Amino acid sequence: MARPKKDIESLKAIRVNVRMTVNEYLIVSGNAAALGMGIPDYIRKKVTGRPLPRTKVTPEDRRLFVELSRIGNNINQLTKKSHLGIHAPKNLYSHLRELQHLLQELKSKIVNK
């Protein structure tokens, strides 16, 4: 059984050749690589105004981000207990707030590399 034919609107039948300088090409290829896309797909999305994917995150940074999220969840649980007055030693709340702030900074630095 053959593959069904595509609609005429979804066929990429028209080719457009674009000349650019070496510097322009390096910028375009660098931007495409940073997003984990091919150059044609990057140009097509950029020109048509469709949203580009977020910055590609390396597997190592992804694991770090997941681990930081887990730590953040533990901190949130401890914060909740401190609000309820369960096992609330002095200064626990301020230390938890400081840790939560540091985790948010680390996460934003990973995402915005």
PDB file of N, CA and C in Angstrom:
ATOM      1  N   MET A   1       0.841  -1.179   0.000  1.00  0.00           N
ATOM      2  CA  MET A   1       0.000   0.000   0.000  1.00  0.00           C
ATOM      3  C   MET A   1       0.887   1.243   0.000  1.00  0.00           C
ATOM      4  N   ALA A   2       0.584   2.166  -0.861  1.00  0.00           N
ATOM      5  CA  ALA A   2       1.388   3.376  -1.014  1.00  0.00           C
ATOM      6  C   ALA A   2       1.023   4.413   0.043  1.00  0.00           C
ATOM      7  N   ARG A   3       1.964   5.300   0.255  1.00  0.00           N
ATOM      8  CA  ARG A   3       1.752   6.401   1.192  1.00  0.00           C
ATOM      9  C   ARG A   3       0.731   7.367   0.591  1.00  0.00           C
ATOM     10  N   PRO A   4      -0.181   7.911   1.416  1.00  0.00           N
ATOM     11  CA  PRO A   4      -1.153   8.875   0.880  1.00  0.00           C
ATOM     12  C   PRO A   4      -0.463  10.159   0.433  1.00  0.00           C
ATOM     13  N   LYS A   5      -0.987  10.745  -0.637  1.00  0.00           N
ATOM     14  CA  LYS A   5      -0.395  11.969  -1.170  1.00  0.00           C
ATOM     15  C   LYS A   5      -0.736  13.162  -0.289  1.00  0.00           C
ATOM     16  N   LYS A   6       0.218  14.106  -0.219  1.00  0.00           N
ATOM     17  CA  LYS A   6       0.028  15.323   0.577  1.00  0.00           C
ATOM     18  C   LYS A   6      -0.840  16.313  -0.176  1.00  0.00           C
ATOM     19  N   ASP A   7      -1.468  17.190   0.604  1.00  0.00           N
ATOM     20  CA  ASP A   7      -2.218  18.295   0.000  1.00  0.00           C
ATOM     21  C   ASP A   7      -1.240  19.192  -0.744  1.00  0.00           C
ATOM     22  N   ILE A   8      -1.720  19.886  -1.741  1.00  0.00           N
ATOM     23  CA  ILE A   8      -0.887  20.801  -2.508  1.00  0.00           C
ATOM     24  C   ILE A   8      -0.352  21.926  -1.611  1.00  0.00           C
ATOM     25  N   GLU A   9      -1.111  22.297  -0.571  1.00  0.00           N
ATOM     26  CA  GLU A   9      -0.693  23.368   0.326  1.00  0.00           C
ATOM     27  C   GLU A   9       0.445  22.949   1.243  1.00  0.00           C
ATOM     28  N   SER A  10       0.562  21.655   1.539  1.00  0.00           N
ATOM     29  CA  SER A  10       1.604  21.211   2.461  1.00  0.00           C
ATOM     30  C   SER A  10       2.880  20.762   1.748  1.00  0.00           C
ATOM     31  N   LEU A  11       2.872  20.739   0.419  1.00  0.00           N
ATOM     32  CA  LEU A  11       4.078  20.385  -0.333  1.00  0.00           C
ATOM     33  C   LEU A  11       5.073  21.534  -0.319  1.00  0.00           C
ATOM     34  N   LYS A  12       6.324  21.205  -0.165  1.00  0.00           N
ATOM     35  CA  LYS A  12       7.380  22.221  -0.222  1.00  0.00           C
ATOM     36  C   LYS A  12       7.981  22.173  -1.622  1.00  0.00           C
ATOM     37  N   ALA A  13       7.236  22.696  -2.569  1.00  0.00           N
ATOM     38  CA  ALA A  13       7.599  22.583  -3.970  1.00  0.00           C
ATOM     39  C   ALA A  13       8.398  23.773  -4.486  1.00  0.00           C
ATOM     40  N   ILE A  14       8.406  24.862  -3.775  1.00  0.00           N
ATOM     41  CA  ILE A  14       9.084  26.070  -4.254  1.00  0.00           C
ATOM     42  C   ILE A  14      10.394  26.230  -3.502  1.00  0.00           C
ATOM     43  N   ARG A  15      11.439  26.437  -4.251  1.00  0.00           N
ATOM     44  CA  ARG A  15      12.773  26.622  -3.660  1.00  0.00           C
ATOM     45  C   ARG A  15      13.164  28.082  -3.810  1.00  0.00           C
ATOM     46  N   VAL A  16      13.694  28.657  -2.751  1.00  0.00           N
ATOM     47  CA  VAL A  16      14.161  30.040  -2.765  1.00  0.00           C
ATOM     48  C   VAL A  16      15.639  30.020  -2.404  1.00  0.00           C
ATOM     49  N   ASN A  17      16.456  30.551  -3.281  1.00  0.00           N
ATOM     50  CA  ASN A  17      17.895  30.644  -3.013  1.00  0.00           C
ATOM     51  C   ASN A  17      18.211  32.021  -2.459  1.00  0.00           C
ATOM     52  N   VAL A  18      18.959  32.045  -1.381  1.00  0.00           N
ATOM     53  CA  VAL A  18      19.303  33.303  -0.728  1.00  0.00           C
ATOM     54  C   VAL A  18      20.814  33.389  -0.635  1.00  0.00           C
ATOM     55  N   ARG A  19      21.347  34.513  -1.019  1.00  0.00           N
ATOM     56  CA  ARG A  19      22.783  34.740  -0.871  1.00  0.00           C
ATOM     57  C   ARG A  19      23.012  35.539   0.395  1.00  0.00           C
ATOM     58  N   MET A  20      24.054  35.173   1.121  1.00  0.00           N
ATOM     59  CA  MET A  20      24.398  35.897   2.339  1.00  0.00           C
ATOM     60  C   MET A  20      25.897  35.893   2.517  1.00  0.00           C
ATOM     61  N   THR A  21      26.355  36.794   3.347  1.00  0.00           N
ATOM     62  CA  THR A  21      27.784  36.862   3.628  1.00  0.00           C
ATOM     63  C   THR A  21      28.162  35.712   4.554  1.00  0.00           C
ATOM     64  N   VAL A  22      29.450  35.511   4.696  1.00  0.00           N
ATOM     65  CA  VAL A  22      29.929  34.463   5.591  1.00  0.00           C
ATOM     66  C   VAL A  22      29.473  34.759   7.026  1.00  0.00           C
ATOM     67  N   ASN A  23      29.573  36.014   7.432  1.00  0.00           N
ATOM     68  CA  ASN A  23      29.146  36.383   8.786  1.00  0.00           C
ATOM     69  C   ASN A  23      27.658  36.143   9.002  1.00  0.00           C
ATOM     70  N   GLU A  24      26.836  36.493   8.011  1.00  0.00           N
ATOM     71  CA  GLU A  24      25.395  36.244   8.127  1.00  0.00           C
ATOM     72  C   GLU A  24      25.114  34.750   8.229  1.00  0.00           C
ATOM     73  N   TYR A  25      25.810  33.967   7.404  1.00  0.00           N
ATOM     74  CA  TYR A  25      25.620  32.512   7.445  1.00  0.00           C
ATOM     75  C   TYR A  25      26.016  31.944   8.808  1.00  0.00           C
ATOM     76  N   LEU A  26      27.131  32.430   9.356  1.00  0.00           N
ATOM     77  CA  LEU A  26      27.574  31.955  10.667  1.00  0.00           C
ATOM     78  C   LEU A  26      26.556  32.301  11.754  1.00  0.00           C
ATOM     79  N   ILE A  27      25.956  33.470  11.652  1.00  0.00           N
ATOM     80  CA  ILE A  27      24.936  33.868  12.628  1.00  0.00           C
ATOM     81  C   ILE A  27      23.713  32.967  12.509  1.00  0.00           C
ATOM     82  N   VAL A  28      23.233  32.774  11.270  1.00  0.00           N
ATOM     83  CA  VAL A  28      22.049  31.945  11.049  1.00  0.00           C
ATOM     84  C   VAL A  28      22.307  30.505  11.473  1.00  0.00           C
ATOM     85  N   SER A  29      23.435  29.950  11.080  1.00  0.00           N
ATOM     86  CA  SER A  29      23.721  28.560  11.430  1.00  0.00           C
ATOM     87  C   SER A  29      23.934  28.403  12.935  1.00  0.00           C
ATOM     88  N   GLY A  30      24.547  29.396  13.564  1.00  0.00           N
ATOM     89  CA  GLY A  30      24.729  29.353  15.018  1.00  0.00           C
ATOM     90  C   GLY A  30      23.405  29.414  15.765  1.00  0.00           C
ATOM     91  N   ASN A  31      22.514  30.290  15.300  1.00  0.00           N
ATOM     92  CA  ASN A  31      21.192  30.393  15.925  1.00  0.00           C
ATOM     93  C   ASN A  31      20.402  29.100  15.752  1.00  0.00           C
ATOM     94  N   ALA A  32      20.456  28.528  14.556  1.00  0.00           N
ATOM     95  CA  ALA A  32      19.745  27.271  14.293  1.00  0.00           C
ATOM     96  C   ALA A  32      20.309  26.142  15.155  1.00  0.00           C
ATOM     97  N   ALA A  33      21.624  26.061  15.251  1.00  0.00           N
ATOM     98  CA  ALA A  33      22.253  25.003  16.047  1.00  0.00           C
ATOM     99  C   ALA A  33      21.926  25.161  17.529  1.00  0.00           C
ATOM    100  N   ALA A  34      21.873  26.398  18.008  1.00  0.00           N
ATOM    101  CA  ALA A  34      21.560  26.644  19.415  1.00  0.00           C
ATOM    102  C   ALA A  34      20.154  26.169  19.767  1.00  0.00           C
ATOM    103  N   LEU A  35      19.263  26.180  18.777  1.00  0.00           N
ATOM    104  CA  LEU A  35      17.897  25.736  19.007  1.00  0.00           C
ATOM    105  C   LEU A  35      17.697  24.275  18.625  1.00  0.00           C
ATOM    106  N   GLY A  36      18.747  23.644  18.108  1.00  0.00           N
ATOM    107  CA  GLY A  36      18.651  22.243  17.717  1.00  0.00           C
ATOM    108  C   GLY A  36      17.855  22.042  16.445  1.00  0.00           C
ATOM    109  N   MET A  37      17.922  23.009  15.543  1.00  0.00           N
ATOM    110  CA  MET A  37      17.165  22.963  14.293  1.00  0.00           C
ATOM    111  C   MET A  37      18.117  22.988  13.109  1.00  0.00           C
ATOM    112  N   GLY A  38      17.606  22.571  11.961  1.00  0.00           N
ATOM    113  CA  GLY A  38      18.345  22.724  10.724  1.00  0.00           C
ATOM    114  C   GLY A  38      18.190  24.148  10.221  1.00  0.00           C
ATOM    115  N   ILE A  39      19.112  24.569   9.364  1.00  0.00           N
ATOM    116  CA  ILE A  39      19.075  25.943   8.840  1.00  0.00           C
ATOM    117  C   ILE A  39      17.791  26.217   8.061  1.00  0.00           C
ATOM    118  N   PRO A  40      17.353  25.326   7.139  1.00  0.00           N
ATOM    119  CA  PRO A  40      16.108  25.623   6.410  1.00  0.00           C
ATOM    120  C   PRO A  40      14.888  25.774   7.322  1.00  0.00           C
ATOM    121  N   ASP A  41      14.765  24.895   8.322  1.00  0.00           N
ATOM    122  CA  ASP A  41      13.632  24.999   9.238  1.00  0.00           C
ATOM    123  C   ASP A  41      13.692  26.283  10.048  1.00  0.00           C
ATOM    124  N   TYR A  42      14.893  26.650  10.481  1.00  0.00           N
ATOM    125  CA  TYR A  42      15.065  27.884  11.250  1.00  0.00           C
ATOM    126  C   TYR A  42      14.643  29.087  10.407  1.00  0.00           C
ATOM    127  N   ILE A  43      15.137  29.169   9.182  1.00  0.00           N
ATOM    128  CA  ILE A  43      14.808  30.306   8.310  1.00  0.00           C
ATOM    129  C   ILE A  43      13.316  30.328   8.017  1.00  0.00           C
ATOM    130  N   ARG A  44      12.729  29.164   7.730  1.00  0.00           N
ATOM    131  CA  ARG A  44      11.309  29.091   7.406  1.00  0.00           C
ATOM    132  C   ARG A  44      10.462  29.606   8.577  1.00  0.00           C
ATOM    133  N   LYS A  45      10.785  29.181   9.799  1.00  0.00           N
ATOM    134  CA  LYS A  45      10.007  29.632  10.951  1.00  0.00           C
ATOM    135  C   LYS A  45      10.236  31.110  11.239  1.00  0.00           C
ATOM    136  N   LYS A  46      11.466  31.553  11.095  1.00  0.00           N
ATOM    137  CA  LYS A  46      11.793  32.957  11.373  1.00  0.00           C
ATOM    138  C   LYS A  46      11.079  33.883  10.388  1.00  0.00           C
ATOM    139  N   VAL A  47      11.080  33.512   9.125  1.00  0.00           N
ATOM    140  CA  VAL A  47      10.488  34.368   8.093  1.00  0.00           C
ATOM    141  C   VAL A  47       8.967  34.395   8.189  1.00  0.00           C
ATOM    142  N   THR A  48       8.348  33.261   8.513  1.00  0.00           N
ATOM    143  CA  THR A  48       6.885  33.213   8.564  1.00  0.00           C
ATOM    144  C   THR A  48       6.328  33.682   9.901  1.00  0.00           C
ATOM    145  N   GLY A  49       7.199  33.982  10.864  1.00  0.00           N
ATOM    146  CA  GLY A  49       6.742  34.499  12.146  1.00  0.00           C
ATOM    147  C   GLY A  49       6.223  33.433  13.094  1.00  0.00           C
ATOM    148  N   ARG A  50       6.429  32.165  12.761  1.00  0.00           N
ATOM    149  CA  ARG A  50       6.005  31.101  13.671  1.00  0.00           C
ATOM    150  C   ARG A  50       6.960  31.052  14.861  1.00  0.00           C
ATOM    151  N   PRO A  51       6.474  30.615  16.007  1.00  0.00           N
ATOM    152  CA  PRO A  51       7.337  30.616  17.194  1.00  0.00           C
ATOM    153  C   PRO A  51       8.485  29.618  17.069  1.00  0.00           C
ATOM    154  N   LEU A  52       9.638  30.054  17.529  1.00  0.00           N
ATOM    155  CA  LEU A  52      10.811  29.192  17.544  1.00  0.00           C
ATOM    156  C   LEU A  52      10.846  28.429  18.865  1.00  0.00           C
ATOM    157  N   PRO A  53      11.432  27.245  18.863  1.00  0.00           N
ATOM    158  CA  PRO A  53      11.523  26.522  20.139  1.00  0.00           C
ATOM    159  C   PRO A  53      12.442  27.260  21.102  1.00  0.00           C
ATOM    160  N   ARG A  54      12.315  26.917  22.365  1.00  0.00           N
ATOM    161  CA  ARG A  54      13.197  27.523  23.361  1.00  0.00           C
ATOM    162  C   ARG A  54      14.611  27.022  23.153  1.00  0.00           C
ATOM    163  N   THR A  55      15.535  27.670  23.817  1.00  0.00           N
ATOM    164  CA  THR A  55      16.939  27.298  23.708  1.00  0.00           C
ATOM    165  C   THR A  55      17.136  25.844  24.089  1.00  0.00           C
ATOM    166  N   LYS A  56      17.931  25.148  23.312  1.00  0.00           N
ATOM    167  CA  LYS A  56      18.211  23.748  23.570  1.00  0.00           C
ATOM    168  C   LYS A  56      19.027  23.627  24.863  1.00  0.00           C
ATOM    169  N   VAL A  57      18.628  22.709  25.722  1.00  0.00           N
ATOM    170  CA  VAL A  57      19.314  22.488  26.989  1.00  0.00           C
ATOM    171  C   VAL A  57      20.070  21.172  26.889  1.00  0.00           C
ATOM    172  N   THR A  58      21.336  21.173  27.291  1.00  0.00           N
ATOM    173  CA  THR A  58      22.140  19.958  27.221  1.00  0.00           C
ATOM    174  C   THR A  58      21.595  18.931  28.219  1.00  0.00           C
ATOM    175  N   PRO A  59      21.817  17.634  27.956  1.00  0.00           N
ATOM    176  CA  PRO A  59      21.342  16.594  28.881  1.00  0.00           C
ATOM    177  C   PRO A  59      21.888  16.775  30.295  1.00  0.00           C
ATOM    178  N   GLU A  60      23.138  17.218  30.415  1.00  0.00           N
ATOM    179  CA  GLU A  60      23.725  17.442  31.736  1.00  0.00           C
ATOM    180  C   GLU A  60      22.991  18.562  32.472  1.00  0.00           C
ATOM    181  N   ASP A  61      22.709  19.661  31.770  1.00  0.00           N
ATOM    182  CA  ASP A  61      21.972  20.757  32.393  1.00  0.00           C
ATOM    183  C   ASP A  61      20.547  20.336  32.740  1.00  0.00           C
ATOM    184  N   ARG A  62      19.948  19.485  31.889  1.00  0.00           N
ATOM    185  CA  ARG A  62      18.593  19.004  32.159  1.00  0.00           C
ATOM    186  C   ARG A  62      18.567  18.181  33.449  1.00  0.00           C
ATOM    187  N   ARG A  63      19.565  17.290  33.620  1.00  0.00           N
ATOM    188  CA  ARG A  63      19.641  16.486  34.850  1.00  0.00           C
ATOM    189  C   ARG A  63      19.835  17.384  36.066  1.00  0.00           C
ATOM    190  N   LEU A  64      20.682  18.399  35.920  1.00  0.00           N
ATOM    191  CA  LEU A  64      20.907  19.341  37.011  1.00  0.00           C
ATOM    192  C   LEU A  64      19.623  20.090  37.348  1.00  0.00           C
ATOM    193  N   PHE A  65      18.905  20.497  36.319  1.00  0.00           N
ATOM    194  CA  PHE A  65      17.657  21.217  36.514  1.00  0.00           C
ATOM    195  C   PHE A  65      16.638  20.343  37.239  1.00  0.00           C
ATOM    196  N   VAL A  66      16.542  19.063  36.855  1.00  0.00           N
ATOM    197  CA  VAL A  66      15.613  18.133  37.502  1.00  0.00           C
ATOM    198  C   VAL A  66      15.989  17.940  38.968  1.00  0.00           C
ATOM    199  N   GLU A  67      17.276  17.779  39.226  1.00  0.00           N
ATOM    200  CA  GLU A  67      17.722  17.586  40.610  1.00  0.00           C
ATOM    201  C   GLU A  67      17.444  18.830  41.452  1.00  0.00           C
ATOM    202  N   LEU A  68      17.685  20.002  40.887  1.00  0.00           N
ATOM    203  CA  LEU A  68      17.379  21.241  41.606  1.00  0.00           C
ATOM    204  C   LEU A  68      15.879  21.367  41.866  1.00  0.00           C
ATOM    205  N   SER A  69      15.066  20.920  40.924  1.00  0.00           N
ATOM    206  CA  SER A  69      13.617  20.946  41.123  1.00  0.00           C
ATOM    207  C   SER A  69      13.208  20.036  42.272  1.00  0.00           C
ATOM    208  N   ARG A  70      13.838  18.868  42.347  1.00  0.00           N
ATOM    209  CA  ARG A  70      13.541  17.950  43.448  1.00  0.00           C
ATOM    210  C   ARG A  70      13.921  18.571  44.791  1.00  0.00           C
ATOM    211  N   ILE A  71      15.090  19.199  44.827  1.00  0.00           N
ATOM    212  CA  ILE A  71      15.520  19.868  46.059  1.00  0.00           C
ATOM    213  C   ILE A  71      14.532  20.978  46.408  1.00  0.00           C
ATOM    214  N   GLY A  72      14.105  21.710  45.385  1.00  0.00           N
ATOM    215  CA  GLY A  72      13.132  22.777  45.603  1.00  0.00           C
ATOM    216  C   GLY A  72      11.824  22.246  46.168  1.00  0.00           C
ATOM    217  N   ASN A  73      11.389  21.081  45.684  1.00  0.00           N
ATOM    218  CA  ASN A  73      10.165  20.481  46.223  1.00  0.00           C
ATOM    219  C   ASN A  73      10.325  20.144  47.699  1.00  0.00           C
ATOM    220  N   ASN A  74      11.483  19.598  48.070  1.00  0.00           N
ATOM    221  CA  ASN A  74      11.735  19.301  49.487  1.00  0.00           C
ATOM    222  C   ASN A  74      11.709  20.572  50.327  1.00  0.00           C
ATOM    223  N   ILE A  75      12.307  21.632  49.791  1.00  0.00           N
ATOM    224  CA  ILE A  75      12.317  22.913  50.511  1.00  0.00           C
ATOM    225  C   ILE A  75      10.890  23.432  50.670  1.00  0.00           C
ATOM    226  N   ASN A  76      10.070  23.284  49.626  1.00  0.00           N
ATOM    227  CA  ASN A  76       8.674  23.733  49.722  1.00  0.00           C
ATOM    228  C   ASN A  76       7.921  22.956  50.800  1.00  0.00           C
ATOM    229  N   GLN A  77       8.174  21.650  50.903  1.00  0.00           N
ATOM    230  CA  GLN A  77       7.522  20.845  51.931  1.00  0.00           C
ATOM    231  C   GLN A  77       7.943  21.303  53.330  1.00  0.00           C
ATOM    232  N   LEU A  78       9.246  21.587  53.484  1.00  0.00           N
ATOM    233  CA  LEU A  78       9.730  22.075  54.783  1.00  0.00           C
ATOM    234  C   LEU A  78       9.145  23.447  55.107  1.00  0.00           C
ATOM    235  N   THR A  79       9.022  24.283  54.102  1.00  0.00           N
ATOM    236  CA  THR A  79       8.439  25.611  54.295  1.00  0.00           C
ATOM    237  C   THR A  79       6.989  25.497  54.741  1.00  0.00           C
ATOM    238  N   LYS A  80       6.255  24.593  54.114  1.00  0.00           N
ATOM    239  CA  LYS A  80       4.857  24.384  54.489  1.00  0.00           C
ATOM    240  C   LYS A  80       4.762  23.954  55.949  1.00  0.00           C
ATOM    241  N   LYS A  81       5.636  23.030  56.359  1.00  0.00           N
ATOM    242  CA  LYS A  81       5.622  22.579  57.756  1.00  0.00           C
ATOM    243  C   LYS A  81       5.978  23.719  58.704  1.00  0.00           C
ATOM    244  N   SER A  82       6.905  24.578  58.286  1.00  0.00           N
ATOM    245  CA  SER A  82       7.268  25.699  59.158  1.00  0.00           C
ATOM    246  C   SER A  82       6.109  26.680  59.300  1.00  0.00           C
ATOM    247  N   HIS A  83       5.313  26.849  58.225  1.00  0.00           N
ATOM    248  CA  HIS A  83       4.143  27.732  58.298  1.00  0.00           C
ATOM    249  C   HIS A  83       3.094  27.159  59.244  1.00  0.00           C
ATOM    250  N   LEU A  84       3.015  25.840  59.274  1.00  0.00           N
ATOM    251  CA  LEU A  84       2.033  25.193  60.142  1.00  0.00           C
ATOM    252  C   LEU A  84       2.525  25.082  61.582  1.00  0.00           C
ATOM    253  N   GLY A  85       3.808  25.387  61.801  1.00  0.00           N
ATOM    254  CA  GLY A  85       4.356  25.333  63.145  1.00  0.00           C
ATOM    255  C   GLY A  85       4.861  23.952  63.531  1.00  0.00           C
ATOM    256  N   ILE A  86       4.957  23.049  62.570  1.00  0.00           N
ATOM    257  CA  ILE A  86       5.436  21.700  62.844  1.00  0.00           C
ATOM    258  C   ILE A  86       6.957  21.705  62.730  1.00  0.00           C
ATOM    259  N   HIS A  87       7.637  21.329  63.795  1.00  0.00           N
ATOM    260  CA  HIS A  87       9.105  21.249  63.801  1.00  0.00           C
ATOM    261  C   HIS A  87       9.722  22.538  63.262  1.00  0.00           C
ATOM    262  N   ALA A  88       9.430  23.647  63.865  1.00  0.00           N
ATOM    263  CA  ALA A  88       9.906  24.938  63.372  1.00  0.00           C
ATOM    264  C   ALA A  88      10.960  25.525  64.302  1.00  0.00           C
ATOM    265  N   PRO A  89      12.231  25.123  64.141  1.00  0.00           N
ATOM    266  CA  PRO A  89      13.273  25.758  64.939  1.00  0.00           C
ATOM    267  C   PRO A  89      13.458  27.212  64.507  1.00  0.00           C
ATOM    268  N   LYS A  90      14.162  27.966  65.342  1.00  0.00           N
ATOM    269  CA  LYS A  90      14.392  29.381  65.052  1.00  0.00           C
ATOM    270  C   LYS A  90      15.114  29.543  63.716  1.00  0.00           C
ATOM    271  N   ASN A  91      14.756  30.563  62.972  1.00  0.00           N
ATOM    272  CA  ASN A  91      15.382  30.961  61.706  1.00  0.00           C
ATOM    273  C   ASN A  91      15.178  29.963  60.561  1.00  0.00           C
ATOM    274  N   LEU A  92      14.393  28.905  60.757  1.00  0.00           N
ATOM    275  CA  LEU A  92      14.172  27.933  59.683  1.00  0.00           C
ATOM    276  C   LEU A  92      13.530  28.607  58.480  1.00  0.00           C
ATOM    277  N   TYR A  93      12.537  29.419  58.740  1.00  0.00           N
ATOM    278  CA  TYR A  93      11.819  30.076  57.654  1.00  0.00           C
ATOM    279  C   TYR A  93      12.745  30.954  56.816  1.00  0.00           C
ATOM    280  N   SER A  94      13.596  31.728  57.454  1.00  0.00           N
ATOM    281  CA  SER A  94      14.494  32.617  56.699  1.00  0.00           C
ATOM    282  C   SER A  94      15.523  31.813  55.900  1.00  0.00           C
ATOM    283  N   HIS A  95      16.011  30.720  56.481  1.00  0.00           N
ATOM    284  CA  HIS A  95      16.959  29.872  55.752  1.00  0.00           C
ATOM    285  C   HIS A  95      16.299  29.203  54.545  1.00  0.00           C
ATOM    286  N   LEU A  96      15.066  28.767  54.719  1.00  0.00           N
ATOM    287  CA  LEU A  96      14.348  28.138  53.611  1.00  0.00           C
ATOM    288  C   LEU A  96      14.090  29.141  52.493  1.00  0.00           C
ATOM    289  N   ARG A  97      13.736  30.351  52.850  1.00  0.00           N
ATOM    290  CA  ARG A  97      13.512  31.394  51.847  1.00  0.00           C
ATOM    291  C   ARG A  97      14.793  31.682  51.065  1.00  0.00           C
ATOM    292  N   GLU A  98      15.904  31.746  51.764  1.00  0.00           N
ATOM    293  CA  GLU A  98      17.192  31.999  51.119  1.00  0.00           C
ATOM    294  C   GLU A  98      17.553  30.862  50.165  1.00  0.00           C
ATOM    295  N   LEU A  99      17.338  29.618  50.595  1.00  0.00           N
ATOM    296  CA  LEU A  99      17.606  28.463  49.730  1.00  0.00           C
ATOM    297  C   LEU A  99      16.702  28.478  48.506  1.00  0.00           C
ATOM    298  N   GLN A 100      15.441  28.798  48.690  1.00  0.00           N
ATOM    299  CA  GLN A 100      14.505  28.839  47.577  1.00  0.00           C
ATOM    300  C   GLN A 100      14.926  29.904  46.565  1.00  0.00           C
ATOM    301  N   HIS A 101      15.369  31.039  47.047  1.00  0.00           N
ATOM    302  CA  HIS A 101      15.835  32.119  46.172  1.00  0.00           C
ATOM    303  C   HIS A 101      17.072  31.672  45.377  1.00  0.00           C
ATOM    304  N   LEU A 102      18.009  30.995  46.039  1.00  0.00           N
ATOM    305  CA  LEU A 102      19.211  30.511  45.354  1.00  0.00           C
ATOM    306  C   LEU A 102      18.874  29.481  44.284  1.00  0.00           C
ATOM    307  N   LEU A 103      17.933  28.601  44.591  1.00  0.00           N
ATOM    308  CA  LEU A 103      17.521  27.602  43.599  1.00  0.00           C
ATOM    309  C   LEU A 103      16.901  28.265  42.372  1.00  0.00           C
ATOM    310  N   GLN A 104      16.075  29.276  42.584  1.00  0.00           N
ATOM    311  CA  GLN A 104      15.468  29.981  41.455  1.00  0.00           C
ATOM    312  C   GLN A 104      16.533  30.644  40.591  1.00  0.00           C
ATOM    313  N   GLU A 105      17.552  31.226  41.210  1.00  0.00           N
ATOM    314  CA  GLU A 105      18.649  31.846  40.453  1.00  0.00           C
ATOM    315  C   GLU A 105      19.382  30.814  39.629  1.00  0.00           C
ATOM    316  N   LEU A 106      19.689  29.651  40.225  1.00  0.00           N
ATOM    317  CA  LEU A 106      20.397  28.592  39.502  1.00  0.00           C
ATOM    318  C   LEU A 106      19.579  28.098  38.319  1.00  0.00           C
ATOM    319  N   LYS A 107      18.292  27.883  38.528  1.00  0.00           N
ATOM    320  CA  LYS A 107      17.432  27.419  37.437  1.00  0.00           C
ATOM    321  C   LYS A 107      17.412  28.423  36.296  1.00  0.00           C
ATOM    322  N   SER A 108      17.284  29.701  36.617  1.00  0.00           N
ATOM    323  CA  SER A 108      17.220  30.707  35.558  1.00  0.00           C
ATOM    324  C   SER A 108      18.553  30.794  34.802  1.00  0.00           C
ATOM    325  N   LYS A 109      19.682  30.584  35.498  1.00  0.00           N
ATOM    326  CA  LYS A 109      20.966  30.604  34.820  1.00  0.00           C
ATOM    327  C   LYS A 109      21.120  29.419  33.884  1.00  0.00           C
ATOM    328  N   ILE A 110      20.578  28.263  34.274  1.00  0.00           N
ATOM    329  CA  ILE A 110      20.650  27.081  33.403  1.00  0.00           C
ATOM    330  C   ILE A 110      19.828  27.309  32.156  1.00  0.00           C
ATOM    331  N   VAL A 111      18.625  27.817  32.317  1.00  0.00           N
ATOM    332  CA  VAL A 111      17.719  28.013  31.186  1.00  0.00           C
ATOM    333  C   VAL A 111      18.207  29.118  30.263  1.00  0.00           C
ATOM    334  N   ASN A 112      18.790  30.170  30.807  1.00  0.00           N
ATOM    335  CA  ASN A 112      19.189  31.335  30.014  1.00  0.00           C
ATOM    336  C   ASN A 112      20.637  31.327  29.570  1.00  0.00           C
ATOM    337  N   LYS A 113      21.256  30.170  29.480  1.00  0.00           N
ATOM    338  CA  LYS A 113      22.666  30.088  29.047  1.00  0.00           C
ATOM    339  C   LYS A 113      22.841  30.606  27.654  1.00  0.00           C
TER     340      LYS A 113
END
